[in-house]
C-alpha atoms as a PDB file:
ATOM      1  CA  UNK A   1     132.299 129.166 103.330  1.00  0.00           C
ATOM      2  CA  UNK A   2     129.014 128.739 105.131  1.00  0.00           C
ATOM      3  CA  UNK A   3     126.791 131.673 105.309  1.00  0.00           C
ATOM      4  CA  UNK A   4     124.167 130.063 107.451  1.00  0.00           C
ATOM      5  CA  UNK A   5     124.981 128.635 110.859  1.00  0.00           C
ATOM      6  CA  UNK A   6     124.702 125.057 111.034  1.00  0.00           C
ATOM      7  CA  UNK A   7     122.249 123.544 113.777  1.00  0.00           C
ATOM      8  CA  UNK A   8     123.061 120.047 114.934  1.00  0.00           C
ATOM      9  CA  UNK A   9     120.178 117.811 115.727  1.00  0.00           C
ATOM     10  CA  UNK A  10     119.806 117.117 119.363  1.00  0.00           C
ATOM     11  CA  UNK A  11     116.818 114.721 119.241  1.00  0.00           C
ATOM     12  CA  UNK A  12     116.821 112.179 116.530  1.00  0.00           C
ATOM     13  CA  UNK A  13     114.025 112.284 114.008  1.00  0.00           C
ATOM     14  CA  UNK A  14     115.146 109.086 112.123  1.00  0.00           C
ATOM     15  CA  UNK A  15     116.137 105.871 113.856  1.00  0.00           C
ATOM     16  CA  UNK A  16     116.909 102.505 112.505  1.00  0.00           C
ATOM     17  CA  UNK A  17     117.144  99.394 114.954  1.00  0.00           C
ATOM     18  CA  UNK A  18     118.061  95.839 114.394  1.00  0.00           C
ATOM     19  CA  UNK A  19     117.938  92.658 116.401  1.00  0.00           C
ATOM     20  CA  UNK A  20     119.909  89.617 115.219  1.00  0.00           C
ATOM     21  CA  UNK A  21     120.163  86.464 117.061  1.00  0.00           C
ATOM     22  CA  UNK A  22     121.337  83.412 115.090  1.00  0.00           C
ATOM     23  CA  UNK A  23     120.633  81.000 117.738  1.00  0.00           C
ATOM     24  CA  UNK A  24     116.794  81.752 117.622  1.00  0.00           C
ATOM     25  CA  UNK A  25     116.652  82.412 113.833  1.00  0.00           C
ATOM     26  CA  UNK A  26     115.899  86.019 114.561  1.00  0.00           C
ATOM     27  CA  UNK A  27     116.647  88.790 112.006  1.00  0.00           C
ATOM     28  CA  UNK A  28     114.248  91.721 112.891  1.00  0.00           C
ATOM     29  CA  UNK A  29     114.280  95.374 112.027  1.00  0.00           C
ATOM     30  CA  UNK A  30     112.491  98.452 113.501  1.00  0.00           C
ATOM     31  CA  UNK A  31     112.372 101.895 111.716  1.00  0.00           C
ATOM     32  CA  UNK A  32     110.923 104.977 113.219  1.00  0.00           C
ATOM     33  CA  UNK A  33     110.779 108.578 111.765  1.00  0.00           C
ATOM     34  CA  UNK A  34     109.109 111.797 112.562  1.00  0.00           C
ATOM     35  CA  UNK A  35     107.381 113.594 109.614  1.00  0.00           C
ATOM     36  CA  UNK A  36     105.295 116.623 109.390  1.00  0.00           C
ATOM     37  CA  UNK A  37     101.692 116.200 108.498  1.00  0.00           C
ATOM     38  CA  UNK A  38      99.356 118.361 106.339  1.00  0.00           C
ATOM     39  CA  UNK A  39      97.469 119.492 109.460  1.00  0.00           C
ATOM     40  CA  UNK A  40     100.270 121.418 111.153  1.00  0.00           C
ATOM     41  CA  UNK A  41     101.134 118.442 113.372  1.00  0.00           C
ATOM     42  CA  UNK A  42     103.585 115.594 113.167  1.00  0.00           C
ATOM     43  CA  UNK A  43     103.457 111.845 112.603  1.00  0.00           C
ATOM     44  CA  UNK A  44     105.579 109.180 114.049  1.00  0.00           C
ATOM     45  CA  UNK A  45     105.999 106.492 111.166  1.00  0.00           C
ATOM     46  CA  UNK A  46     106.817 103.063 112.716  1.00  0.00           C
ATOM     47  CA  UNK A  47     107.983 100.243 110.489  1.00  0.00           C
ATOM     48  CA  UNK A  48     108.809  96.724 111.669  1.00  0.00           C
ATOM     49  CA  UNK A  49     109.270  93.151 110.354  1.00  0.00           C
ATOM     50  CA  UNK A  50     111.955  90.524 109.447  1.00  0.00           C
ATOM     51  CA  UNK A  51     115.067  91.851 107.650  1.00  0.00           C
ATOM     52  CA  UNK A  52     114.538  91.155 103.912  1.00  0.00           C
ATOM     53  CA  UNK A  53     110.721  91.290 103.963  1.00  0.00           C
ATOM     54  CA  UNK A  54     108.296  94.257 103.742  1.00  0.00           C
ATOM     55  CA  UNK A  55     107.036  94.207 107.275  1.00  0.00           C
ATOM     56  CA  UNK A  56     104.283  96.268 108.680  1.00  0.00           C
ATOM     57  CA  UNK A  57     103.767  99.951 109.207  1.00  0.00           C
ATOM     58  CA  UNK A  58     101.934 102.238 111.654  1.00  0.00           C
ATOM     59  CA  UNK A  59     101.461 105.926 111.438  1.00  0.00           C
ATOM     60  CA  UNK A  60     100.556 107.844 114.911  1.00  0.00           C
ATOM     61  CA  UNK A  61      99.427 111.498 114.704  1.00  0.00           C
ATOM     62  CA  UNK A  62     100.861 113.752 117.328  1.00  0.00           C
ATOM     63  CA  UNK A  63     100.043 117.470 118.038  1.00  0.00           C
ATOM     64  CA  UNK A  64     103.542 118.852 117.503  1.00  0.00           C
ATOM     65  CA  UNK A  65     106.889 117.631 116.531  1.00  0.00           C
ATOM     66  CA  UNK A  66     108.100 117.573 120.174  1.00  0.00           C
ATOM     67  CA  UNK A  67     105.379 114.790 121.328  1.00  0.00           C
ATOM     68  CA  UNK A  68     106.357 112.911 118.379  1.00  0.00           C
ATOM     69  CA  UNK A  69     110.074 112.870 119.217  1.00  0.00           C
ATOM     70  CA  UNK A  70     109.003 112.066 122.730  1.00  0.00           C
ATOM     71  CA  UNK A  71     107.225 109.078 121.761  1.00  0.00           C
ATOM     72  CA  UNK A  72     110.014 108.064 119.290  1.00  0.00           C
ATOM     73  CA  UNK A  73     112.429 108.296 122.304  1.00  0.00           C
ATOM     74  CA  UNK A  74     110.320 106.114 124.718  1.00  0.00           C
ATOM     75  CA  UNK A  75     109.719 103.599 121.916  1.00  0.00           C
ATOM     76  CA  UNK A  76     113.530 103.456 121.173  1.00  0.00           C
ATOM     77  CA  UNK A  77     114.057 102.951 124.986  1.00  0.00           C
ATOM     78  CA  UNK A  78     111.689 100.102 125.142  1.00  0.00           C
ATOM     79  CA  UNK A  79     113.233  98.433 121.988  1.00  0.00           C
ATOM     80  CA  UNK A  80     116.660  98.756 123.272  1.00  0.00           C
ATOM     81  CA  UNK A  81     115.673  96.958 126.435  1.00  0.00           C
ATOM     82  CA  UNK A  82     114.435  94.173 124.419  1.00  0.00           C
ATOM     83  CA  UNK A  83     117.771  93.740 122.542  1.00  0.00           C
ATOM     84  CA  UNK A  84     117.591  95.817 119.474  1.00  0.00           C
ATOM     85  CA  UNK A  85     120.605  97.917 118.775  1.00  0.00           C
ATOM     86  CA  UNK A  86     120.879 101.074 116.427  1.00  0.00           C
ATOM     87  CA  UNK A  87     122.335 100.694 112.948  1.00  0.00           C
ATOM     88  CA  UNK A  88     125.149 102.964 112.110  1.00  0.00           C
ATOM     89  CA  UNK A  89     126.457 103.428 108.581  1.00  0.00           C
END
């Protein structure tokens, strides 16, 4: 039995997207995650590139986790409009 109540996550802090179009030889990934930093804020870590390759990485620092999650959600909406789809395991 569980002694502690389980809190479900309302806003995602990790997101993995893919865009695959064989007609254009396109196989791309885009990963985003919100991680705490050492100064009490939060960072949005973005990784993108071609599937099977290392790709690139960018770290954006935000004042708190809420702002980082908001940035993640805005980027997710933009990528979805461009054809990326969430990867479900």
